[in-house]
Amino acid sequence: MVLVPKTLQVLGEELAIVWSDGTEGYLPLTTVRRLCPCAGCAGERDLLGRLARPPEKPLTTESFRVVSTSPVGGYAVQIFWADGHSDGLFPYAKLREWSDHPPDLPPIKALPLLPTR
């Protein structure tokens, strides 16, 4: 059975997902953004399989605030972040994996504070 979200919404600082099997998952928005799979964040492989990583972009508090989400086909969700980033497509299978087995990420360095709107 392919698991897909029945509901997916932002609750506070987490992405809350109710899956088609009835289970619930909660992912910190900081984790989701830091695991963005787009080429600009995660890099991309060339024809020989070598990973080319872009220069690291500074993240701010706006980098972790979700403006909206949009389903992509029946396999992923696109997340629109307050800092303007929206290139990553987050496959449902990865979101489920991360919610079942949270990735071990290094701590975030202090973020510059931006005025809230």
C-alpha atoms as a PDB file:
ATOM      1  CA  MET A   1       0.000   0.000   0.000  1.00  0.00           C
ATOM      2  CA  VAL A   2       1.330   3.414  -0.984  1.00  0.00           C
ATOM      3  CA  LEU A   3       1.057   5.813   1.928  1.00  0.00           C
ATOM      4  CA  VAL A   4      -0.126   9.317   1.127  1.00  0.00           C
ATOM      5  CA  PRO A   5      -1.163  12.152   3.414  1.00  0.00           C
ATOM      6  CA  LYS A   6      -4.871  12.446   4.177  1.00  0.00           C
ATOM      7  CA  THR A   7      -4.064  15.836   5.695  1.00  0.00           C
ATOM      8  CA  LEU A   8      -0.874  17.863   5.737  1.00  0.00           C
ATOM      9  CA  GLN A   9      -0.726  21.159   7.603  1.00  0.00           C
ATOM     10  CA  VAL A  10       1.561  23.400   9.587  1.00  0.00           C
ATOM     11  CA  LEU A  11       0.892  23.385  13.326  1.00  0.00           C
ATOM     12  CA  GLY A  12       3.116  25.829  15.133  1.00  0.00           C
ATOM     13  CA  GLU A  13       6.678  24.920  14.212  1.00  0.00           C
ATOM     14  CA  GLU A  14       5.871  21.454  12.875  1.00  0.00           C
ATOM     15  CA  LEU A  15       4.537  19.868   9.724  1.00  0.00           C
ATOM     16  CA  ALA A  16       1.692  17.629  10.883  1.00  0.00           C
ATOM     17  CA  ILE A  17       0.710  14.742   8.622  1.00  0.00           C
ATOM     18  CA  VAL A  18      -2.142  12.268   8.976  1.00  0.00           C
ATOM     19  CA  TRP A  19      -1.304   9.331   6.722  1.00  0.00           C
ATOM     20  CA  SER A  20      -3.693   7.150   4.750  1.00  0.00           C
ATOM     21  CA  ASP A  21      -3.059   4.294   7.220  1.00  0.00           C
ATOM     22  CA  GLY A  22      -4.318   6.510  10.062  1.00  0.00           C
ATOM     23  CA  THR A  23      -0.953   7.200  11.696  1.00  0.00           C
ATOM     24  CA  GLU A  24       0.166  10.734  12.469  1.00  0.00           C
ATOM     25  CA  GLY A  25       3.596  12.225  11.969  1.00  0.00           C
ATOM     26  CA  TYR A  26       5.082  15.495  13.166  1.00  0.00           C
ATOM     27  CA  LEU A  27       8.211  16.941  11.593  1.00  0.00           C
ATOM     28  CA  PRO A  28       9.932  20.092  12.845  1.00  0.00           C
ATOM     29  CA  LEU A  29       9.930  22.700  10.077  1.00  0.00           C
ATOM     30  CA  THR A  30      13.629  23.287  10.743  1.00  0.00           C
ATOM     31  CA  THR A  31      14.306  19.640   9.891  1.00  0.00           C
ATOM     32  CA  VAL A  32      12.157  19.681   6.745  1.00  0.00           C
ATOM     33  CA  ARG A  33      13.857  22.820   5.405  1.00  0.00           C
ATOM     34  CA  ARG A  34      17.342  21.575   6.206  1.00  0.00           C
ATOM     35  CA  LEU A  35      16.579  18.359   4.288  1.00  0.00           C
ATOM     36  CA  CYS A  36      15.303  20.198   1.204  1.00  0.00           C
ATOM     37  CA  PRO A  37      16.061  17.872  -1.724  1.00  0.00           C
ATOM     38  CA  CYS A  38      16.415  20.550  -4.428  1.00  0.00           C
ATOM     39  CA  ALA A  39      19.689  20.856  -6.330  1.00  0.00           C
ATOM     40  CA  GLY A  40      20.287  24.309  -4.831  1.00  0.00           C
ATOM     41  CA  CYS A  41      20.224  22.889  -1.294  1.00  0.00           C
ATOM     42  CA  ALA A  42      21.254  19.224  -1.542  1.00  0.00           C
ATOM     43  CA  GLY A  43      23.384  19.449  -4.675  1.00  0.00           C
ATOM     44  CA  GLU A  44      23.136  17.342  -7.804  1.00  0.00           C
ATOM     45  CA  ARG A  45      25.102  14.535  -9.393  1.00  0.00           C
ATOM     46  CA  ASP A  46      26.878  14.770 -12.729  1.00  0.00           C
ATOM     47  CA  LEU A  47      26.978  11.974 -15.339  1.00  0.00           C
ATOM     48  CA  LEU A  48      29.793  10.251 -13.438  1.00  0.00           C
ATOM     49  CA  GLY A  49      27.849  10.295 -10.188  1.00  0.00           C
ATOM     50  CA  ARG A  50      29.941  12.992  -8.496  1.00  0.00           C
ATOM     51  CA  LEU A  51      27.959  15.233  -6.172  1.00  0.00           C
ATOM     52  CA  ALA A  52      28.334  18.953  -6.816  1.00  0.00           C
ATOM     53  CA  ARG A  53      27.171  21.006  -3.853  1.00  0.00           C
ATOM     54  CA  PRO A  54      26.326  24.688  -4.153  1.00  0.00           C
ATOM     55  CA  PRO A  55      27.743  27.217  -1.689  1.00  0.00           C
ATOM     56  CA  GLU A  56      25.889  27.092   1.610  1.00  0.00           C
ATOM     57  CA  LYS A  57      23.190  29.764   1.861  1.00  0.00           C
ATOM     58  CA  PRO A  58      22.600  31.519   5.158  1.00  0.00           C
ATOM     59  CA  LEU A  59      19.312  30.543   6.781  1.00  0.00           C
ATOM     60  CA  THR A  60      17.181  33.005   8.713  1.00  0.00           C
ATOM     61  CA  THR A  61      14.050  32.650  10.802  1.00  0.00           C
ATOM     62  CA  GLU A  62      12.043  33.240   7.583  1.00  0.00           C
ATOM     63  CA  SER A  63      13.738  30.169   6.087  1.00  0.00           C
ATOM     64  CA  PHE A  64      11.745  27.986   8.491  1.00  0.00           C
ATOM     65  CA  ARG A  65       8.317  29.601   8.144  1.00  0.00           C
ATOM     66  CA  VAL A  66       5.913  27.990   5.680  1.00  0.00           C
ATOM     67  CA  VAL A  67       3.741  30.288   3.562  1.00  0.00           C
ATOM     68  CA  SER A  68       1.868  27.496   1.746  1.00  0.00           C
ATOM     69  CA  THR A  69       2.078  23.958   0.396  1.00  0.00           C
ATOM     70  CA  SER A  70       0.916  22.396  -2.843  1.00  0.00           C
ATOM     71  CA  PRO A  71       0.575  18.702  -3.734  1.00  0.00           C
ATOM     72  CA  VAL A  72       2.603  17.500  -6.710  1.00  0.00           C
ATOM     73  CA  GLY A  73       0.924  14.599  -8.455  1.00  0.00           C
ATOM     74  CA  GLY A  74       0.238  11.790  -6.024  1.00  0.00           C
ATOM     75  CA  TYR A  75       3.799  11.494  -4.757  1.00  0.00           C
ATOM     76  CA  ALA A  76       5.106  14.749  -3.247  1.00  0.00           C
ATOM     77  CA  VAL A  77       4.415  18.165  -1.782  1.00  0.00           C
ATOM     78  CA  GLN A  78       6.008  21.475  -2.729  1.00  0.00           C
ATOM     79  CA  ILE A  79       6.612  23.793   0.212  1.00  0.00           C
ATOM     80  CA  PHE A  80       6.738  27.564  -0.194  1.00  0.00           C
ATOM     81  CA  TRP A  81       8.937  29.126   2.493  1.00  0.00           C
ATOM     82  CA  ALA A  82       8.756  32.736   3.722  1.00  0.00           C
ATOM     83  CA  ASP A  83      12.262  33.502   2.454  1.00  0.00           C
ATOM     84  CA  GLY A  84      11.102  32.849  -1.127  1.00  0.00           C
ATOM     85  CA  HIS A  85      12.512  29.322  -1.487  1.00  0.00           C
ATOM     86  CA  SER A  86      10.197  26.777  -3.120  1.00  0.00           C
ATOM     87  CA  ASP A  87      12.334  24.582  -5.379  1.00  0.00           C
ATOM     88  CA  GLY A  88      12.215  21.392  -3.316  1.00  0.00           C
ATOM     89  CA  LEU A  89       9.683  18.652  -3.974  1.00  0.00           C
ATOM     90  CA  PHE A  90       9.314  16.543  -0.833  1.00  0.00           C
ATOM     91  CA  PRO A  91       8.317  12.961  -1.742  1.00  0.00           C
ATOM     92  CA  TYR A  92       5.701  11.477   0.579  1.00  0.00           C
ATOM     93  CA  ALA A  93       7.902   8.404   1.071  1.00  0.00           C
ATOM     94  CA  LYS A  94      10.709  10.612   2.447  1.00  0.00           C
ATOM     95  CA  LEU A  95       8.363  12.549   4.722  1.00  0.00           C
ATOM     96  CA  ARG A  96       7.056   9.263   6.108  1.00  0.00           C
ATOM     97  CA  GLU A  97      10.590   7.936   6.584  1.00  0.00           C
ATOM     98  CA  TRP A  98      11.653  11.122   8.406  1.00  0.00           C
ATOM     99  CA  SER A  99       8.559  11.061  10.596  1.00  0.00           C
ATOM    100  CA  ASP A 100       9.095   7.382  11.532  1.00  0.00           C
ATOM    101  CA  HIS A 101      12.869   7.734  11.944  1.00  0.00           C
ATOM    102  CA  PRO A 102      13.862  11.378  12.573  1.00  0.00           C
ATOM    103  CA  PRO A 103      17.221  12.172  10.971  1.00  0.00           C
ATOM    104  CA  ASP A 104      20.108  13.096  13.224  1.00  0.00           C
ATOM    105  CA  LEU A 105      21.089  16.598  12.097  1.00  0.00           C
ATOM    106  CA  PRO A 106      23.792  18.788  13.640  1.00  0.00           C
ATOM    107  CA  PRO A 107      22.574  21.762  15.681  1.00  0.00           C
ATOM    108  CA  ILE A 108      21.687  24.947  13.831  1.00  0.00           C
ATOM    109  CA  LYS A 109      24.018  27.876  14.310  1.00  0.00           C
ATOM    110  CA  ALA A 110      22.423  31.015  15.724  1.00  0.00           C
ATOM    111  CA  LEU A 111      20.071  32.539  13.160  1.00  0.00           C
ATOM    112  CA  PRO A 112      19.832  36.244  12.463  1.00  0.00           C
ATOM    113  CA  LEU A 113      16.481  37.547  13.598  1.00  0.00           C
ATOM    114  CA  LEU A 114      14.355  39.258  10.998  1.00  0.00           C
ATOM    115  CA  PRO A 115      11.400  41.475  11.755  1.00  0.00           C
ATOM    116  CA  THR A 116       8.107  39.620  11.614  1.00  0.00           C
ATOM    117  CA  ARG A 117       5.376  40.883   9.362  1.00  0.00           C
END
